[in-house]
Amino acid sequence: MASLPSDLSDLHPQTTREWFMFLNTKIDTILESQAEDRETLIAYMEKTNDWIKCHDRDVLAREKLVEKHTEKIEQLEKKVNTWSLTNTLAAIGAFITALFIKGS
């Protein structure tokens, strides 16, 4: 039996042993490829998880900021309403005072 070539990728198997070696080479290649793909996928998943954590943290910070701004807007609205009522009462008082002054 002739010696087998060192590169089994272009082998045209004819015997059972050659077929076995050919298939083993193919399986080894597939396993190596899957290992590389697995490492790439794990790295991608870790980056995605880190991004999700960062994104969630940012969303929570924005929600807190929106709550704070909403409170301040409500406080400002109460102040404006109070100020409007005060201005209305002052205007009525000025009108009444003007009537008394004009009537005297």
C-alpha atoms as a PDB file:
ATOM      1  CA  MET A   1       0.000   0.000   0.000  1.00  0.00           C
ATOM      2  CA  ALA A   2       1.315   3.452  -0.937  1.00  0.00           C
ATOM      3  CA  SER A   3       2.037   6.070   1.676  1.00  0.00           C
ATOM      4  CA  LEU A   4      -0.692   8.623   2.318  1.00  0.00           C
ATOM      5  CA  PRO A   5      -0.165  12.261   1.368  1.00  0.00           C
ATOM      6  CA  SER A   6       0.338  14.682   4.240  1.00  0.00           C
ATOM      7  CA  ASP A   7      -2.550  16.901   3.069  1.00  0.00           C
ATOM      8  CA  LEU A   8      -5.756  14.905   3.286  1.00  0.00           C
ATOM      9  CA  SER A   9      -8.047  17.635   2.005  1.00  0.00           C
ATOM     10  CA  ASP A  10      -7.572  16.758  -1.694  1.00  0.00           C
ATOM     11  CA  LEU A  11      -7.503  13.056  -1.088  1.00  0.00           C
ATOM     12  CA  HIS A  12      -9.743  10.918  -3.284  1.00  0.00           C
ATOM     13  CA  PRO A  13     -10.375   8.072  -0.847  1.00  0.00           C
ATOM     14  CA  GLN A  14     -10.525   4.591  -2.271  1.00  0.00           C
ATOM     15  CA  THR A  15      -9.970   2.314   0.709  1.00  0.00           C
ATOM     16  CA  THR A  16     -11.781   2.166   4.022  1.00  0.00           C
ATOM     17  CA  ARG A  17      -8.738   3.516   5.818  1.00  0.00           C
ATOM     18  CA  GLU A  18      -8.450   6.444   3.410  1.00  0.00           C
ATOM     19  CA  TRP A  19     -12.137   7.199   3.866  1.00  0.00           C
ATOM     20  CA  PHE A  20     -11.731   7.057   7.636  1.00  0.00           C
ATOM     21  CA  MET A  21      -8.753   9.445   7.549  1.00  0.00           C
ATOM     22  CA  PHE A  22     -10.551  11.737   5.116  1.00  0.00           C
ATOM     23  CA  LEU A  23     -13.659  11.907   7.322  1.00  0.00           C
ATOM     24  CA  ASN A  24     -11.564  12.399  10.466  1.00  0.00           C
ATOM     25  CA  THR A  25      -9.828  15.336   8.826  1.00  0.00           C
ATOM     26  CA  LYS A  26     -13.181  16.861   7.857  1.00  0.00           C
ATOM     27  CA  ILE A  27     -14.585  16.364  11.365  1.00  0.00           C
ATOM     28  CA  ASP A  28     -11.468  17.918  12.940  1.00  0.00           C
ATOM     29  CA  THR A  29     -11.827  20.931  10.634  1.00  0.00           C
ATOM     30  CA  ILE A  30     -15.492  21.317  11.575  1.00  0.00           C
ATOM     31  CA  LEU A  31     -14.736  21.039  15.296  1.00  0.00           C
ATOM     32  CA  GLU A  32     -12.010  23.693  15.071  1.00  0.00           C
ATOM     33  CA  SER A  33     -14.350  25.970  13.151  1.00  0.00           C
ATOM     34  CA  GLN A  34     -17.092  25.484  15.736  1.00  0.00           C
ATOM     35  CA  ALA A  35     -14.675  26.238  18.572  1.00  0.00           C
ATOM     36  CA  GLU A  36     -13.685  29.519  16.898  1.00  0.00           C
ATOM     37  CA  ASP A  37     -17.351  30.340  16.258  1.00  0.00           C
ATOM     38  CA  ARG A  38     -18.201  29.538  19.886  1.00  0.00           C
ATOM     39  CA  GLU A  39     -15.492  31.893  21.145  1.00  0.00           C
ATOM     40  CA  THR A  40     -16.712  34.624  18.809  1.00  0.00           C
ATOM     41  CA  LEU A  41     -20.301  34.075  19.906  1.00  0.00           C
ATOM     42  CA  ILE A  42     -19.353  34.161  23.594  1.00  0.00           C
ATOM     43  CA  ALA A  43     -17.441  37.418  23.085  1.00  0.00           C
ATOM     44  CA  TYR A  44     -20.406  38.892  21.197  1.00  0.00           C
ATOM     45  CA  MET A  45     -22.830  37.806  23.924  1.00  0.00           C
ATOM     46  CA  GLU A  46     -20.633  39.361  26.621  1.00  0.00           C
ATOM     47  CA  LYS A  47     -20.471  42.645  24.711  1.00  0.00           C
ATOM     48  CA  THR A  48     -24.245  42.558  24.207  1.00  0.00           C
ATOM     49  CA  ASN A  49     -24.849  41.885  27.904  1.00  0.00           C
ATOM     50  CA  ASP A  50     -22.539  44.762  28.855  1.00  0.00           C
ATOM     51  CA  TRP A  51     -24.399  47.051  26.453  1.00  0.00           C
ATOM     52  CA  ILE A  52     -27.769  45.966  27.893  1.00  0.00           C
ATOM     53  CA  LYS A  53     -26.581  46.710  31.449  1.00  0.00           C
ATOM     54  CA  CYS A  54     -25.283  50.127  30.379  1.00  0.00           C
ATOM     55  CA  HIS A  55     -28.476  50.860  28.435  1.00  0.00           C
ATOM     56  CA  ASP A  56     -30.692  49.851  31.366  1.00  0.00           C
ATOM     57  CA  ARG A  57     -28.654  52.041  33.702  1.00  0.00           C
ATOM     58  CA  ASP A  58     -29.017  54.994  31.315  1.00  0.00           C
ATOM     59  CA  VAL A  59     -32.774  54.431  30.946  1.00  0.00           C
ATOM     60  CA  LEU A  60     -33.179  54.326  34.733  1.00  0.00           C
ATOM     61  CA  ALA A  61     -31.190  57.567  35.083  1.00  0.00           C
ATOM     62  CA  ARG A  62     -33.374  59.241  32.440  1.00  0.00           C
ATOM     63  CA  GLU A  63     -36.549  58.058  34.154  1.00  0.00           C
ATOM     64  CA  LYS A  64     -35.359  59.541  37.456  1.00  0.00           C
ATOM     65  CA  LEU A  65     -34.521  62.792  35.690  1.00  0.00           C
ATOM     66  CA  VAL A  66     -37.979  62.894  34.083  1.00  0.00           C
ATOM     67  CA  GLU A  67     -39.591  62.326  37.495  1.00  0.00           C
ATOM     68  CA  LYS A  68     -37.528  65.166  38.968  1.00  0.00           C
ATOM     69  CA  HIS A  69     -38.458  67.502  36.115  1.00  0.00           C
ATOM     70  CA  THR A  70     -42.120  66.542  36.407  1.00  0.00           C
ATOM     71  CA  GLU A  71     -42.072  67.434  40.108  1.00  0.00           C
ATOM     72  CA  LYS A  72     -40.441  70.780  39.379  1.00  0.00           C
ATOM     73  CA  ILE A  73     -42.963  71.538  36.636  1.00  0.00           C
ATOM     74  CA  GLU A  74     -45.836  70.719  38.998  1.00  0.00           C
ATOM     75  CA  GLN A  75     -44.315  72.985  41.674  1.00  0.00           C
ATOM     76  CA  LEU A  76     -43.918  75.757  39.119  1.00  0.00           C
ATOM     77  CA  GLU A  77     -47.503  75.296  37.972  1.00  0.00           C
ATOM     78  CA  LYS A  78     -48.739  75.658  41.578  1.00  0.00           C
ATOM     79  CA  LYS A  79     -46.655  78.827  42.006  1.00  0.00           C
ATOM     80  CA  VAL A  80     -48.008  80.269  38.758  1.00  0.00           C
ATOM     81  CA  ASN A  81     -51.596  79.503  39.780  1.00  0.00           C
ATOM     82  CA  THR A  82     -51.018  81.108  43.199  1.00  0.00           C
ATOM     83  CA  TRP A  83     -49.368  84.107  41.578  1.00  0.00           C
ATOM     84  CA  SER A  84     -52.252  84.470  39.116  1.00  0.00           C
ATOM     85  CA  LEU A  85     -54.776  84.393  41.970  1.00  0.00           C
ATOM     86  CA  THR A  86     -52.742  86.993  43.889  1.00  0.00           C
ATOM     87  CA  ASN A  87     -52.521  89.203  40.807  1.00  0.00           C
ATOM     88  CA  THR A  88     -56.270  88.898  40.219  1.00  0.00           C
ATOM     89  CA  LEU A  89     -57.045  89.853  43.807  1.00  0.00           C
ATOM     90  CA  ALA A  90     -54.586  92.766  43.617  1.00  0.00           C
ATOM     91  CA  ALA A  91     -56.218  93.967  40.380  1.00  0.00           C
ATOM     92  CA  ILE A  92     -59.681  93.816  41.967  1.00  0.00           C
ATOM     93  CA  GLY A  93     -58.360  95.696  45.002  1.00  0.00           C
ATOM     94  CA  ALA A  94     -56.792  98.337  42.760  1.00  0.00           C
ATOM     95  CA  PHE A  95     -60.052  98.702  40.830  1.00  0.00           C
ATOM     96  CA  ILE A  96     -62.067  99.147  44.022  1.00  0.00           C
ATOM     97  CA  THR A  97     -59.518 101.615  45.360  1.00  0.00           C
ATOM     98  CA  ALA A  98     -59.636 103.513  42.087  1.00  0.00           C
ATOM     99  CA  LEU A  99     -63.418 103.700  42.334  1.00  0.00           C
ATOM    100  CA  PHE A 100     -63.227 105.125  45.852  1.00  0.00           C
ATOM    101  CA  ILE A 101     -60.566 107.633  44.866  1.00  0.00           C
ATOM    102  CA  LYS A 102     -62.489 108.697  41.778  1.00  0.00           C
ATOM    103  CA  GLY A 103     -65.741 108.825  43.694  1.00  0.00           C
ATOM    104  CA  SER A 104     -64.343 111.096  46.395  1.00  0.00           C
END
